[in-house]
PDB file of N, CA and C in Angstrom:
ATOM      1  N   UNK A   1       0.826  -1.201   0.000  1.00  0.00           N
ATOM      2  CA  UNK A   1       0.000   0.000   0.000  1.00  0.00           C
ATOM      3  C   UNK A   1       0.867   1.261   0.000  1.00  0.00           C
ATOM      4  N   UNK A   2       1.939   1.286   0.817  1.00  0.00           N
ATOM      5  CA  UNK A   2       2.815   2.448   0.895  1.00  0.00           C
ATOM      6  C   UNK A   2       3.542   2.708  -0.411  1.00  0.00           C
ATOM      7  N   UNK A   3       3.985   1.625  -1.079  1.00  0.00           N
ATOM      8  CA  UNK A   3       4.681   1.777  -2.354  1.00  0.00           C
ATOM      9  C   UNK A   3       3.741   2.348  -3.415  1.00  0.00           C
ATOM     10  N   UNK A   4       2.512   1.858  -3.460  1.00  0.00           N
ATOM     11  CA  UNK A   4       1.539   2.378  -4.431  1.00  0.00           C
ATOM     12  C   UNK A   4       1.254   3.855  -4.178  1.00  0.00           C
ATOM     13  N   UNK A   5       1.216   4.219  -2.907  1.00  0.00           N
ATOM     14  CA  UNK A   5       0.998   5.622  -2.551  1.00  0.00           C
ATOM     15  C   UNK A   5       2.137   6.478  -3.085  1.00  0.00           C
ATOM     16  N   UNK A   6       3.359   6.027  -2.866  1.00  0.00           N
ATOM     17  CA  UNK A   6       4.534   6.769  -3.331  1.00  0.00           C
ATOM     18  C   UNK A   6       4.545   6.836  -4.858  1.00  0.00           C
ATOM     19  N   UNK A   7       4.152   5.763  -5.513  1.00  0.00           N
ATOM     20  CA  UNK A   7       4.134   5.741  -6.979  1.00  0.00           C
ATOM     21  C   UNK A   7       3.160   6.771  -7.562  1.00  0.00           C
ATOM     22  N   UNK A   8       2.083   7.060  -6.859  1.00  0.00           N
ATOM     23  CA  UNK A   8       1.143   8.089  -7.325  1.00  0.00           C
ATOM     24  C   UNK A   8       1.849   9.439  -7.453  1.00  0.00           C
ATOM     25  N   UNK A   9       2.600   9.783  -6.436  1.00  0.00           N
ATOM     26  CA  UNK A   9       3.330  11.055  -6.445  1.00  0.00           C
ATOM     27  C   UNK A   9       4.407  11.051  -7.524  1.00  0.00           C
ATOM     28  N   UNK A  10       5.167   9.971  -7.606  1.00  0.00           N
ATOM     29  CA  UNK A  10       6.244   9.881  -8.592  1.00  0.00           C
ATOM     30  C   UNK A  10       5.677   9.956 -10.014  1.00  0.00           C
ATOM     31  N   UNK A  11       4.586   9.247 -10.258  1.00  0.00           N
ATOM     32  CA  UNK A  11       3.983   9.245 -11.592  1.00  0.00           C
ATOM     33  C   UNK A  11       3.474  10.648 -11.963  1.00  0.00           C
ATOM     34  N   UNK A  12       2.850  11.335 -11.023  1.00  0.00           N
ATOM     35  CA  UNK A  12       2.345  12.683 -11.282  1.00  0.00           C
ATOM     36  C   UNK A  12       3.485  13.628 -11.633  1.00  0.00           C
ATOM     37  N   UNK A  13       4.550  13.579 -10.867  1.00  0.00           N
ATOM     38  CA  UNK A  13       5.698  14.450 -11.127  1.00  0.00           C
ATOM     39  C   UNK A  13       6.347  14.089 -12.463  1.00  0.00           C
ATOM     40  N   UNK A  14       6.429  12.805 -12.758  1.00  0.00           N
ATOM     41  CA  UNK A  14       6.969  12.349 -14.045  1.00  0.00           C
ATOM     42  C   UNK A  14       6.161  12.944 -15.203  1.00  0.00           C
ATOM     43  N   UNK A  15       4.842  12.854 -15.110  1.00  0.00           N
ATOM     44  CA  UNK A  15       3.985  13.387 -16.171  1.00  0.00           C
ATOM     45  C   UNK A  15       4.166  14.886 -16.348  1.00  0.00           C
ATOM     46  N   UNK A  16       4.281  15.598 -15.241  1.00  0.00           N
ATOM     47  CA  UNK A  16       4.360  17.060 -15.288  1.00  0.00           C
ATOM     48  C   UNK A  16       5.752  17.577 -15.646  1.00  0.00           C
ATOM     49  N   UNK A  17       6.717  16.667 -15.777  1.00  0.00           N
ATOM     50  CA  UNK A  17       8.086  17.048 -16.125  1.00  0.00           C
ATOM     51  C   UNK A  17       8.447  16.744 -17.567  1.00  0.00           C
ATOM     52  N   UNK A  18       7.516  16.229 -18.346  1.00  0.00           N
ATOM     53  CA  UNK A  18       7.806  15.871 -19.737  1.00  0.00           C
ATOM     54  C   UNK A  18       8.052  17.118 -20.589  1.00  0.00           C
ATOM     55  N   UNK A  19       8.763  16.946 -21.679  1.00  0.00           N
ATOM     56  CA  UNK A  19       8.997  18.061 -22.605  1.00  0.00           C
ATOM     57  C   UNK A  19       7.706  18.493 -23.280  1.00  0.00           C
ATOM     58  N   UNK A  20       6.858  17.524 -23.596  1.00  0.00           N
ATOM     59  CA  UNK A  20       5.572  17.803 -24.232  1.00  0.00           C
ATOM     60  C   UNK A  20       4.479  17.170 -23.374  1.00  0.00           C
ATOM     61  N   UNK A  21       3.531  17.985 -22.912  1.00  0.00           N
ATOM     62  CA  UNK A  21       2.515  17.510 -21.973  1.00  0.00           C
ATOM     63  C   UNK A  21       1.135  17.817 -22.526  1.00  0.00           C
ATOM     64  N   UNK A  22       0.322  16.779 -22.680  1.00  0.00           N
ATOM     65  CA  UNK A  22      -1.049  16.971 -23.162  1.00  0.00           C
ATOM     66  C   UNK A  22      -1.972  17.300 -21.996  1.00  0.00           C
ATOM     67  N   UNK A  23      -3.148  17.791 -22.312  1.00  0.00           N
ATOM     68  CA  UNK A  23      -4.144  18.079 -21.268  1.00  0.00           C
ATOM     69  C   UNK A  23      -4.514  16.797 -20.536  1.00  0.00           C
ATOM     70  N   UNK A  24      -4.564  15.686 -21.274  1.00  0.00           N
ATOM     71  CA  UNK A  24      -4.869  14.398 -20.649  1.00  0.00           C
ATOM     72  C   UNK A  24      -3.826  13.999 -19.619  1.00  0.00           C
ATOM     73  N   UNK A  25      -2.561  14.272 -19.911  1.00  0.00           N
ATOM     74  CA  UNK A  25      -1.487  13.968 -18.962  1.00  0.00           C
ATOM     75  C   UNK A  25      -1.610  14.832 -17.712  1.00  0.00           C
ATOM     76  N   UNK A  26      -1.964  16.093 -17.902  1.00  0.00           N
ATOM     77  CA  UNK A  26      -2.127  16.994 -16.759  1.00  0.00           C
ATOM     78  C   UNK A  26      -3.293  16.525 -15.893  1.00  0.00           C
ATOM     79  N   UNK A  27      -4.396  16.131 -16.538  1.00  0.00           N
ATOM     80  CA  UNK A  27      -5.564  15.641 -15.806  1.00  0.00           C
ATOM     81  C   UNK A  27      -5.217  14.372 -15.036  1.00  0.00           C
ATOM     82  N   UNK A  28      -4.470  13.472 -15.656  1.00  0.00           N
ATOM     83  CA  UNK A  28      -4.045  12.242 -14.980  1.00  0.00           C
ATOM     84  C   UNK A  28      -3.161  12.565 -13.775  1.00  0.00           C
ATOM     85  N   UNK A  29      -2.254  13.512 -13.950  1.00  0.00           N
ATOM     86  CA  UNK A  29      -1.377  13.922 -12.848  1.00  0.00           C
ATOM     87  C   UNK A  29      -2.188  14.523 -11.704  1.00  0.00           C
ATOM     88  N   UNK A  30      -3.188  15.335 -12.038  1.00  0.00           N
ATOM     89  CA  UNK A  30      -4.054  15.925 -11.009  1.00  0.00           C
ATOM     90  C   UNK A  30      -4.725  14.839 -10.183  1.00  0.00           C
ATOM     91  N   UNK A  31      -5.248  13.813 -10.870  1.00  0.00           N
ATOM     92  CA  UNK A  31      -5.938  12.731 -10.161  1.00  0.00           C
ATOM     93  C   UNK A  31      -4.963  11.949  -9.282  1.00  0.00           C
ATOM     94  N   UNK A  32      -3.764  11.706  -9.793  1.00  0.00           N
ATOM     95  CA  UNK A  32      -2.751  11.016  -8.988  1.00  0.00           C
ATOM     96  C   UNK A  32      -2.420  11.816  -7.731  1.00  0.00           C
ATOM     97  N   UNK A  33      -2.283  13.118  -7.872  1.00  0.00           N
ATOM     98  CA  UNK A  33      -1.959  13.958  -6.715  1.00  0.00           C
ATOM     99  C   UNK A  33      -3.105  13.978  -5.707  1.00  0.00           C
ATOM    100  N   UNK A  34      -4.334  14.061  -6.192  1.00  0.00           N
ATOM    101  CA  UNK A  34      -5.497  14.011  -5.279  1.00  0.00           C
ATOM    102  C   UNK A  34      -5.531  12.684  -4.527  1.00  0.00           C
ATOM    103  N   UNK A  35      -5.324  11.582  -5.252  1.00  0.00           N
ATOM    104  CA  UNK A  35      -5.325  10.254  -4.621  1.00  0.00           C
ATOM    105  C   UNK A  35      -4.188  10.132  -3.611  1.00  0.00           C
ATOM    106  N   UNK A  36      -3.040  10.672  -3.950  1.00  0.00           N
ATOM    107  CA  UNK A  36      -1.881  10.629  -3.049  1.00  0.00           C
ATOM    108  C   UNK A  36      -2.192  11.338  -1.739  1.00  0.00           C
ATOM    109  N   UNK A  37      -2.800  12.502  -1.834  1.00  0.00           N
ATOM    110  CA  UNK A  37      -3.130  13.282  -0.637  1.00  0.00           C
ATOM    111  C   UNK A  37      -4.188  12.565   0.191  1.00  0.00           C
ATOM    112  N   UNK A  38      -5.193  12.025  -0.466  1.00  0.00           N
ATOM    113  CA  UNK A  38      -6.261  11.308   0.242  1.00  0.00           C
ATOM    114  C   UNK A  38      -5.713  10.090   0.969  1.00  0.00           C
ATOM    115  N   UNK A  39      -4.854   9.335   0.304  1.00  0.00           N
ATOM    116  CA  UNK A  39      -4.311   8.104   0.898  1.00  0.00           C
ATOM    117  C   UNK A  39      -3.284   8.391   1.984  1.00  0.00           C
ATOM    118  N   UNK A  40      -2.660   9.549   1.930  1.00  0.00           N
ATOM    119  CA  UNK A  40      -1.668   9.894   2.948  1.00  0.00           C
ATOM    120  C   UNK A  40      -2.285   9.835   4.335  1.00  0.00           C
ATOM    121  N   UNK A  41      -3.486  10.346   4.454  1.00  0.00           N
ATOM    122  CA  UNK A  41      -4.171  10.382   5.743  1.00  0.00           C
ATOM    123  C   UNK A  41      -4.424   8.977   6.282  1.00  0.00           C
ATOM    124  N   UNK A  42      -4.613   8.013   5.393  1.00  0.00           N
ATOM    125  CA  UNK A  42      -4.861   6.641   5.808  1.00  0.00           C
ATOM    126  C   UNK A  42      -3.580   5.907   6.182  1.00  0.00           C
ATOM    127  N   UNK A  43      -2.459   6.306   5.602  1.00  0.00           N
ATOM    128  CA  UNK A  43      -1.197   5.578   5.784  1.00  0.00           C
ATOM    129  C   UNK A  43      -0.317   6.118   6.901  1.00  0.00           C
ATOM    130  N   UNK A  44      -0.409   7.411   7.148  1.00  0.00           N
ATOM    131  CA  UNK A  44       0.537   8.030   8.071  1.00  0.00           C
ATOM    132  C   UNK A  44      -0.187   8.764   9.191  1.00  0.00           C
ATOM    133  N   UNK A  45       0.562   9.068  10.235  1.00  0.00           N
ATOM    134  CA  UNK A  45       0.014   9.805  11.362  1.00  0.00           C
ATOM    135  C   UNK A  45      -0.352  11.217  10.893  1.00  0.00           C
ATOM    136  N   UNK A  46      -1.501  11.681  11.282  1.00  0.00           N
ATOM    137  CA  UNK A  46      -2.026  12.958  10.804  1.00  0.00           C
ATOM    138  C   UNK A  46      -1.071  14.118  11.087  1.00  0.00           C
ATOM    139  N   UNK A  47      -0.325  14.065  12.190  1.00  0.00           N
ATOM    140  CA  UNK A  47       0.556  15.184  12.533  1.00  0.00           C
ATOM    141  C   UNK A  47       1.661  15.394  11.496  1.00  0.00           C
ATOM    142  N   UNK A  48       1.946  14.387  10.672  1.00  0.00           N
ATOM    143  CA  UNK A  48       2.957  14.531   9.630  1.00  0.00           C
ATOM    144  C   UNK A  48       2.384  15.127   8.350  1.00  0.00           C
ATOM    145  N   UNK A  49       1.104  15.368   8.339  1.00  0.00           N
ATOM    146  CA  UNK A  49       0.445  15.943   7.172  1.00  0.00           C
ATOM    147  C   UNK A  49       0.619  17.458   7.209  1.00  0.00           C
ATOM    148  N   UNK A  50       1.521  17.946   6.403  1.00  0.00           N
ATOM    149  CA  UNK A  50       1.747  19.387   6.310  1.00  0.00           C
ATOM    150  C   UNK A  50       0.739  19.943   5.310  1.00  0.00           C
ATOM    151  N   UNK A  51      -0.257  20.618   5.815  1.00  0.00           N
ATOM    152  CA  UNK A  51      -1.356  21.104   4.990  1.00  0.00           C
ATOM    153  C   UNK A  51      -0.838  21.968   3.841  1.00  0.00           C
ATOM    154  N   UNK A  52       0.091  22.855   4.114  1.00  0.00           N
ATOM    155  CA  UNK A  52       0.562  23.763   3.068  1.00  0.00           C
ATOM    156  C   UNK A  52       1.271  23.002   1.965  1.00  0.00           C
ATOM    157  N   UNK A  53       2.095  22.005   2.306  1.00  0.00           N
ATOM    158  CA  UNK A  53       2.798  21.243   1.269  1.00  0.00           C
ATOM    159  C   UNK A  53       1.827  20.479   0.386  1.00  0.00           C
ATOM    160  N   UNK A  54       0.832  19.866   0.986  1.00  0.00           N
ATOM    161  CA  UNK A  54      -0.143  19.126   0.189  1.00  0.00           C
ATOM    162  C   UNK A  54      -1.013  20.077  -0.621  1.00  0.00           C
ATOM    163  N   UNK A  55      -1.311  21.209  -0.063  1.00  0.00           N
ATOM    164  CA  UNK A  55      -2.085  22.202  -0.801  1.00  0.00           C
ATOM    165  C   UNK A  55      -1.302  22.647  -2.039  1.00  0.00           C
ATOM    166  N   UNK A  56      -0.006  22.854  -1.871  1.00  0.00           N
ATOM    167  CA  UNK A  56       0.830  23.270  -2.995  1.00  0.00           C
ATOM    168  C   UNK A  56       0.891  22.197  -4.075  1.00  0.00           C
ATOM    169  N   UNK A  57       0.873  20.928  -3.675  1.00  0.00           N
ATOM    170  CA  UNK A  57       0.858  19.844  -4.663  1.00  0.00           C
ATOM    171  C   UNK A  57      -0.346  19.959  -5.590  1.00  0.00           C
ATOM    172  N   UNK A  58      -1.464  20.384  -5.032  1.00  0.00           N
ATOM    173  CA  UNK A  58      -2.674  20.500  -5.842  1.00  0.00           C
ATOM    174  C   UNK A  58      -2.555  21.585  -6.909  1.00  0.00           C
ATOM    175  N   UNK A  59      -1.636  22.512  -6.735  1.00  0.00           N
ATOM    176  CA  UNK A  59      -1.453  23.596  -7.697  1.00  0.00           C
ATOM    177  C   UNK A  59      -0.437  23.274  -8.791  1.00  0.00           C
ATOM    178  N   UNK A  60       0.245  22.140  -8.684  1.00  0.00           N
ATOM    179  CA  UNK A  60       1.263  21.815  -9.678  1.00  0.00           C
ATOM    180  C   UNK A  60       0.679  21.731 -11.085  1.00  0.00           C
ATOM    181  N   UNK A  61      -0.461  21.077 -11.214  1.00  0.00           N
ATOM    182  CA  UNK A  61      -1.066  20.915 -12.537  1.00  0.00           C
ATOM    183  C   UNK A  61      -1.449  22.265 -13.133  1.00  0.00           C
ATOM    184  N   UNK A  62      -1.996  23.119 -12.308  1.00  0.00           N
ATOM    185  CA  UNK A  62      -2.372  24.464 -12.770  1.00  0.00           C
ATOM    186  C   UNK A  62      -1.137  25.244 -13.219  1.00  0.00           C
ATOM    187  N   UNK A  63      -0.056  25.099 -12.465  1.00  0.00           N
ATOM    188  CA  UNK A  63       1.186  25.774 -12.836  1.00  0.00           C
ATOM    189  C   UNK A  63       1.715  25.274 -14.174  1.00  0.00           C
ATOM    190  N   UNK A  64       1.592  23.968 -14.417  1.00  0.00           N
ATOM    191  CA  UNK A  64       2.048  23.417 -15.689  1.00  0.00           C
ATOM    192  C   UNK A  64       1.183  23.956 -16.830  1.00  0.00           C
ATOM    193  N   UNK A  65      -0.103  24.080 -16.598  1.00  0.00           N
ATOM    194  CA  UNK A  65      -0.975  24.657 -17.633  1.00  0.00           C
ATOM    195  C   UNK A  65      -0.551  26.094 -17.965  1.00  0.00           C
ATOM    196  N   UNK A  66      -0.184  26.845 -16.936  1.00  0.00           N
ATOM    197  CA  UNK A  66       0.141  28.263 -17.127  1.00  0.00           C
ATOM    198  C   UNK A  66       1.589  28.529 -17.537  1.00  0.00           C
ATOM    199  N   UNK A  67       2.520  27.705 -17.045  1.00  0.00           N
ATOM    200  CA  UNK A  67       3.943  28.005 -17.220  1.00  0.00           C
ATOM    201  C   UNK A  67       4.723  26.962 -18.009  1.00  0.00           C
ATOM    202  N   UNK A  68       4.098  25.828 -18.298  1.00  0.00           N
ATOM    203  CA  UNK A  68       4.811  24.759 -18.986  1.00  0.00           C
ATOM    204  C   UNK A  68       5.316  23.728 -17.993  1.00  0.00           C
ATOM    205  N   UNK A  69       6.141  22.787 -18.461  1.00  0.00           N
ATOM    206  CA  UNK A  69       6.629  21.697 -17.607  1.00  0.00           C
ATOM    207  C   UNK A  69       7.277  22.195 -16.319  1.00  0.00           C
ATOM    208  N   UNK A  70       7.252  21.345 -15.296  1.00  0.00           N
ATOM    209  CA  UNK A  70       7.829  21.739 -14.008  1.00  0.00           C
ATOM    210  C   UNK A  70       9.295  22.147 -14.136  1.00  0.00           C
ATOM    211  N   UNK A  71      10.035  21.433 -14.965  1.00  0.00           N
ATOM    212  CA  UNK A  71      11.463  21.730 -15.081  1.00  0.00           C
ATOM    213  C   UNK A  71      11.712  23.137 -15.634  1.00  0.00           C
ATOM    214  N   UNK A  72      10.726  23.727 -16.296  1.00  0.00           N
ATOM    215  CA  UNK A  72      10.898  25.039 -16.909  1.00  0.00           C
ATOM    216  C   UNK A  72      10.687  26.190 -15.929  1.00  0.00           C
ATOM    217  N   UNK A  73      10.223  25.894 -14.737  1.00  0.00           N
ATOM    218  CA  UNK A  73       9.951  26.965 -13.763  1.00  0.00           C
ATOM    219  C   UNK A  73      10.484  26.579 -12.393  1.00  0.00           C
ATOM    220  N   UNK A  74      11.785  26.420 -12.312  1.00  0.00           N
ATOM    221  CA  UNK A  74      12.424  26.029 -11.063  1.00  0.00           C
ATOM    222  C   UNK A  74      12.493  27.212 -10.099  1.00  0.00           C
ATOM    223  N   UNK A  75      12.258  26.926  -8.840  1.00  0.00           N
ATOM    224  CA  UNK A  75      12.370  27.944  -7.798  1.00  0.00           C
ATOM    225  C   UNK A  75      13.644  27.753  -6.975  1.00  0.00           C
ATOM    226  N   UNK A  76      14.537  26.884  -7.447  1.00  0.00           N
ATOM    227  CA  UNK A  76      15.764  26.620  -6.705  1.00  0.00           C
ATOM    228  C   UNK A  76      16.604  27.882  -6.488  1.00  0.00           C
ATOM    229  N   UNK A  77      16.728  28.776  -7.479  1.00  0.00           N
ATOM    230  CA  UNK A  77      17.502  29.999  -7.200  1.00  0.00           C
ATOM    231  C   UNK A  77      16.900  30.826  -6.059  1.00  0.00           C
ATOM    232  N   UNK A  78      15.577  30.846  -5.982  1.00  0.00           N
ATOM    233  CA  UNK A  78      14.935  31.588  -4.895  1.00  0.00           C
ATOM    234  C   UNK A  78      15.154  30.898  -3.556  1.00  0.00           C
ATOM    235  N   UNK A  79      15.139  29.558  -3.555  1.00  0.00           N
ATOM    236  CA  UNK A  79      15.411  28.827  -2.324  1.00  0.00           C
ATOM    237  C   UNK A  79      16.833  29.102  -1.856  1.00  0.00           C
ATOM    238  N   UNK A  80      17.770  29.174  -2.807  1.00  0.00           N
ATOM    239  CA  UNK A  80      19.153  29.475  -2.465  1.00  0.00           C
ATOM    240  C   UNK A  80      19.262  30.873  -1.863  1.00  0.00           C
ATOM    241  N   UNK A  81      18.536  31.825  -2.434  1.00  0.00           N
ATOM    242  CA  UNK A  81      18.541  33.185  -1.898  1.00  0.00           C
ATOM    243  C   UNK A  81      17.981  33.211  -0.479  1.00  0.00           C
ATOM    244  N   UNK A  82      16.932  32.432  -0.216  1.00  0.00           N
ATOM    245  CA  UNK A  82      16.392  32.340   1.146  1.00  0.00           C
ATOM    246  C   UNK A  82      17.465  31.858   2.111  1.00  0.00           C
ATOM    247  N   UNK A  83      18.257  30.891   1.684  1.00  0.00           N
ATOM    248  CA  UNK A  83      19.335  30.384   2.532  1.00  0.00           C
ATOM    249  C   UNK A  83      20.384  31.444   2.804  1.00  0.00           C
ATOM    250  N   UNK A  84      20.694  32.240   1.782  1.00  0.00           N
ATOM    251  CA  UNK A  84      21.679  33.314   1.967  1.00  0.00           C
ATOM    252  C   UNK A  84      21.147  34.372   2.929  1.00  0.00           C
ATOM    253  N   UNK A  85      19.884  34.724   2.795  1.00  0.00           N
ATOM    254  CA  UNK A  85      19.287  35.708   3.707  1.00  0.00           C
ATOM    255  C   UNK A  85      19.254  35.177   5.136  1.00  0.00           C
ATOM    256  N   UNK A  86      18.964  33.898   5.284  1.00  0.00           N
ATOM    257  CA  UNK A  86      18.896  33.287   6.621  1.00  0.00           C
ATOM    258  C   UNK A  86      20.246  33.392   7.334  1.00  0.00           C
ATOM    259  N   UNK A  87      21.335  33.272   6.568  1.00  0.00           N
ATOM    260  CA  UNK A  87      22.668  33.353   7.174  1.00  0.00           C
ATOM    261  C   UNK A  87      22.995  34.757   7.688  1.00  0.00           C
ATOM    262  N   UNK A  88      22.227  35.763   7.266  1.00  0.00           N
ATOM    263  CA  UNK A  88      22.458  37.133   7.735  1.00  0.00           C
ATOM    264  C   UNK A  88      21.822  37.391   9.103  1.00  0.00           C
ATOM    265  N   UNK A  89      20.970  36.487   9.557  1.00  0.00           N
ATOM    266  CA  UNK A  89      20.283  36.657  10.839  1.00  0.00           C
ATOM    267  C   UNK A  89      21.059  35.892  11.904  1.00  0.00           C
ATOM    268  N   UNK A  90      21.459  36.625  12.953  1.00  0.00           N
ATOM    269  CA  UNK A  90      22.275  36.016  14.008  1.00  0.00           C
ATOM    270  C   UNK A  90      21.645  36.128  15.387  1.00  0.00           C
ATOM    271  N   UNK A  91      20.460  36.666  15.471  1.00  0.00           N
ATOM    272  CA  UNK A  91      19.810  36.800  16.768  1.00  0.00           C
ATOM    273  C   UNK A  91      18.330  36.507  16.653  1.00  0.00           C
ATOM    274  N   UNK A  92      17.653  36.601  17.749  1.00  0.00           N
ATOM    275  CA  UNK A  92      16.229  36.267  17.763  1.00  0.00           C
ATOM    276  C   UNK A  92      15.322  37.484  17.639  1.00  0.00           C
ATOM    277  N   UNK A  93      15.898  38.677  17.688  1.00  0.00           N
ATOM    278  CA  UNK A  93      15.075  39.878  17.561  1.00  0.00           C
ATOM    279  C   UNK A  93      15.594  40.749  16.426  1.00  0.00           C
ATOM    280  N   UNK A  94      14.712  41.542  15.857  1.00  0.00           N
ATOM    281  CA  UNK A  94      15.049  42.502  14.806  1.00  0.00           C
ATOM    282  C   UNK A  94      15.689  41.836  13.584  1.00  0.00           C
ATOM    283  N   UNK A  95      15.101  40.732  13.140  1.00  0.00           N
ATOM    284  CA  UNK A  95      15.653  39.991  12.001  1.00  0.00           C
ATOM    285  C   UNK A  95      15.709  40.861  10.751  1.00  0.00           C
ATOM    286  N   UNK A  96      14.673  41.673  10.515  1.00  0.00           N
ATOM    287  CA  UNK A  96      14.655  42.517   9.315  1.00  0.00           C
ATOM    288  C   UNK A  96      15.815  43.507   9.337  1.00  0.00           C
ATOM    289  N   UNK A  97      16.100  44.072  10.487  1.00  0.00           N
ATOM    290  CA  UNK A  97      17.221  45.013  10.615  1.00  0.00           C
ATOM    291  C   UNK A  97      18.552  44.298  10.377  1.00  0.00           C
ATOM    292  N   UNK A  98      18.672  43.088  10.882  1.00  0.00           N
ATOM    293  CA  UNK A  98      19.902  42.315  10.680  1.00  0.00           C
ATOM    294  C   UNK A  98      20.120  42.017   9.195  1.00  0.00           C
ATOM    295  N   UNK A  99      19.055  41.644   8.506  1.00  0.00           N
ATOM    296  CA  UNK A  99      19.148  41.345   7.076  1.00  0.00           C
ATOM    297  C   UNK A  99      19.511  42.602   6.302  1.00  0.00           C
ATOM    298  N   UNK A 100      18.857  43.720   6.624  1.00  0.00           N
ATOM    299  CA  UNK A 100      19.133  44.979   5.940  1.00  0.00           C
ATOM    300  C   UNK A 100      20.577  45.404   6.141  1.00  0.00           C
ATOM    301  N   UNK A 101      21.047  45.312   7.360  1.00  0.00           N
ATOM    302  CA  UNK A 101      22.423  45.695   7.655  1.00  0.00           C
ATOM    303  C   UNK A 101      23.414  44.788   6.930  1.00  0.00           C
ATOM    304  N   UNK A 102      23.164  43.491   6.971  1.00  0.00           N
ATOM    305  CA  UNK A 102      24.048  42.538   6.297  1.00  0.00           C
ATOM    306  C   UNK A 102      24.079  42.746   4.795  1.00  0.00           C
ATOM    307  N   UNK A 103      22.916  42.966   4.183  1.00  0.00           N
ATOM    308  CA  UNK A 103      22.865  43.213   2.742  1.00  0.00           C
ATOM    309  C   UNK A 103      23.583  44.507   2.376  1.00  0.00           C
ATOM    310  N   UNK A 104      23.407  45.520   3.211  1.00  0.00           N
ATOM    311  CA  UNK A 104      24.084  46.795   2.965  1.00  0.00           C
ATOM    312  C   UNK A 104      25.597  46.597   2.965  1.00  0.00           C
ATOM    313  N   UNK A 105      26.089  45.831   3.895  1.00  0.00           N
ATOM    314  CA  UNK A 105      27.529  45.563   3.952  1.00  0.00           C
ATOM    315  C   UNK A 105      27.990  44.788   2.730  1.00  0.00           C
ATOM    316  N   UNK A 106      27.227  43.777   2.329  1.00  0.00           N
ATOM    317  CA  UNK A 106      27.607  42.971   1.162  1.00  0.00           C
ATOM    318  C   UNK A 106      27.619  43.785  -0.125  1.00  0.00           C
ATOM    319  N   UNK A 107      26.675  44.703  -0.252  1.00  0.00           N
ATOM    320  CA  UNK A 107      26.588  45.519  -1.462  1.00  0.00           C
ATOM    321  C   UNK A 107      27.639  46.618  -1.459  1.00  0.00           C
ATOM    322  N   UNK A 108      27.842  47.256  -0.327  1.00  0.00           N
ATOM    323  CA  UNK A 108      28.725  48.424  -0.269  1.00  0.00           C
ATOM    324  C   UNK A 108      30.196  48.091  -0.119  1.00  0.00           C
ATOM    325  N   UNK A 109      30.532  46.933   0.403  1.00  0.00           N
ATOM    326  CA  UNK A 109      31.938  46.583   0.601  1.00  0.00           C
ATOM    327  C   UNK A 109      32.732  46.595  -0.713  1.00  0.00           C
ATOM    328  N   UNK A 110      32.261  45.978  -1.784  1.00  0.00           N
ATOM    329  CA  UNK A 110      33.019  46.048  -3.043  1.00  0.00           C
ATOM    330  C   UNK A 110      33.163  47.486  -3.566  1.00  0.00           C
ATOM    331  N   UNK A 111      32.155  48.309  -3.357  1.00  0.00           N
ATOM    332  CA  UNK A 111      32.216  49.711  -3.801  1.00  0.00           C
ATOM    333  C   UNK A 111      33.290  50.452  -3.011  1.00  0.00           C
ATOM    334  N   UNK A 112      33.302  50.259  -1.697  1.00  0.00           N
ATOM    335  CA  UNK A 112      34.301  50.921  -0.864  1.00  0.00           C
ATOM    336  C   UNK A 112      35.702  50.429  -1.202  1.00  0.00           C
ATOM    337  N   UNK A 113      35.838  49.127  -1.460  1.00  0.00           N
ATOM    338  CA  UNK A 113      37.157  48.595  -1.823  1.00  0.00           C
ATOM    339  C   UNK A 113      37.652  49.171  -3.138  1.00  0.00           C
ATOM    340  N   UNK A 114      36.762  49.371  -4.075  1.00  0.00           N
ATOM    341  CA  UNK A 114      37.166  49.909  -5.381  1.00  0.00           C
ATOM    342  C   UNK A 114      37.624  51.357  -5.266  1.00  0.00           C
ATOM    343  N   UNK A 115      37.175  52.054  -4.240  1.00  0.00           N
ATOM    344  CA  UNK A 115      37.552  53.458  -4.057  1.00  0.00           C
ATOM    345  C   UNK A 115      38.891  53.613  -3.340  1.00  0.00           C
ATOM    346  N   UNK A 116      39.385  52.553  -2.721  1.00  0.00           N
ATOM    347  CA  UNK A 116      40.673  52.628  -2.037  1.00  0.00           C
ATOM    348  C   UNK A 116      41.793  52.787  -3.048  1.00  0.00           C
ATOM    349  N   UNK A 117      42.823  53.447  -2.647  1.00  0.00           N
ATOM    350  CA  UNK A 117      43.995  53.607  -3.492  1.00  0.00           C
ATOM    351  C   UNK A 117      44.580  52.229  -3.784  1.00  0.00           C
ATOM    352  N   UNK A 118      44.920  51.981  -5.026  1.00  0.00           N
ATOM    353  CA  UNK A 118      45.457  50.683  -5.433  1.00  0.00           C
ATOM    354  C   UNK A 118      46.720  50.319  -4.651  1.00  0.00           C
ATOM    355  N   UNK A 119      47.479  51.302  -4.228  1.00  0.00           N
ATOM    356  CA  UNK A 119      48.731  51.034  -3.515  1.00  0.00           C
ATOM    357  C   UNK A 119      48.537  50.916  -2.013  1.00  0.00           C
ATOM    358  N   UNK A 120      47.329  51.085  -1.556  1.00  0.00           N
ATOM    359  CA  UNK A 120      47.060  51.037  -0.122  1.00  0.00           C
ATOM    360  C   UNK A 120      47.147  49.584   0.370  1.00  0.00           C
ATOM    361  N   UNK A 121      47.854  49.368   1.447  1.00  0.00           N
ATOM    362  CA  UNK A 121      48.047  48.027   1.994  1.00  0.00           C
ATOM    363  C   UNK A 121      46.766  47.447   2.611  1.00  0.00           C
ATOM    364  N   UNK A 122      45.780  48.274   2.828  1.00  0.00           N
ATOM    365  CA  UNK A 122      44.540  47.801   3.464  1.00  0.00           C
ATOM    366  C   UNK A 122      43.844  46.782   2.564  1.00  0.00           C
ATOM    367  N   UNK A 123      43.951  46.953   1.260  1.00  0.00           N
ATOM    368  CA  UNK A 123      43.247  46.050   0.314  1.00  0.00           C
ATOM    369  C   UNK A 123      43.799  44.647   0.359  1.00  0.00           C
ATOM    370  N   UNK A 124      45.048  44.449   0.686  1.00  0.00           N
ATOM    371  CA  UNK A 124      45.661  43.128   0.596  1.00  0.00           C
ATOM    372  C   UNK A 124      45.515  42.330   1.822  1.00  0.00           C
TER     373      UNK A 124
END
């Protein structure tokens, strides 16, 4: 039962990642994703059901209709940027100020370095 459940998700993602995707393939993927979400509740403890993640799965087919195959609209660069921003936060309060200050330093440091005299020992 667990393997069949996993195969529903894998098959849906496979269909939505093709170079050429028909409406029938998108509809089949939608049904697989709905079945996967429904069966998850029967197979696993409810507390592991992340509502937002499953809700987002339901939008994959719509995204493919609007934007093309999943591989054509990767959000990995944005996820990487989130990781970079997270590294700028070092405390539990005033996170926005910490991010702003850190970004300001990252942006302005190369500008300030370029203004230093080339012969100045500070650059090395």
